[in-house]
């Protein structure tokens, strides 16, 4: 009996055929110039930035439209406090507790008090 399983010779032949095909294909491969690879990266970066900018515009436009529709659908705002039946009292200069204006001195007049 041999030490390898029964289908090993077939696997060995397949492995040899794959190695020959890989060697034949490797001989015809020429790497691309650095400038071509760099240009491909630049194009990809520009496209990604354009995509991010377009998504940001769509999100902002959608949020603005949603806010506009939300604000337009609201009715008038309710009062901050319930209305009272009493009218507020006017505060005039002759009522106690009101702030009296400070007297102003006309230009050219003396600001000292007469004694």
Foldseek 3Di string as FASTA:
>chain_A
DDPDDDCVVVVVVVVVVVVVVVVVVVVPDDDDDPVVVVVVVVVVVVVVVVVVVVVVVVVVVVVVVVVVVVVVPDDDDDDPDDDDPDDDDDDDCPDPPDDHDDDDDDPPDDPDDDD
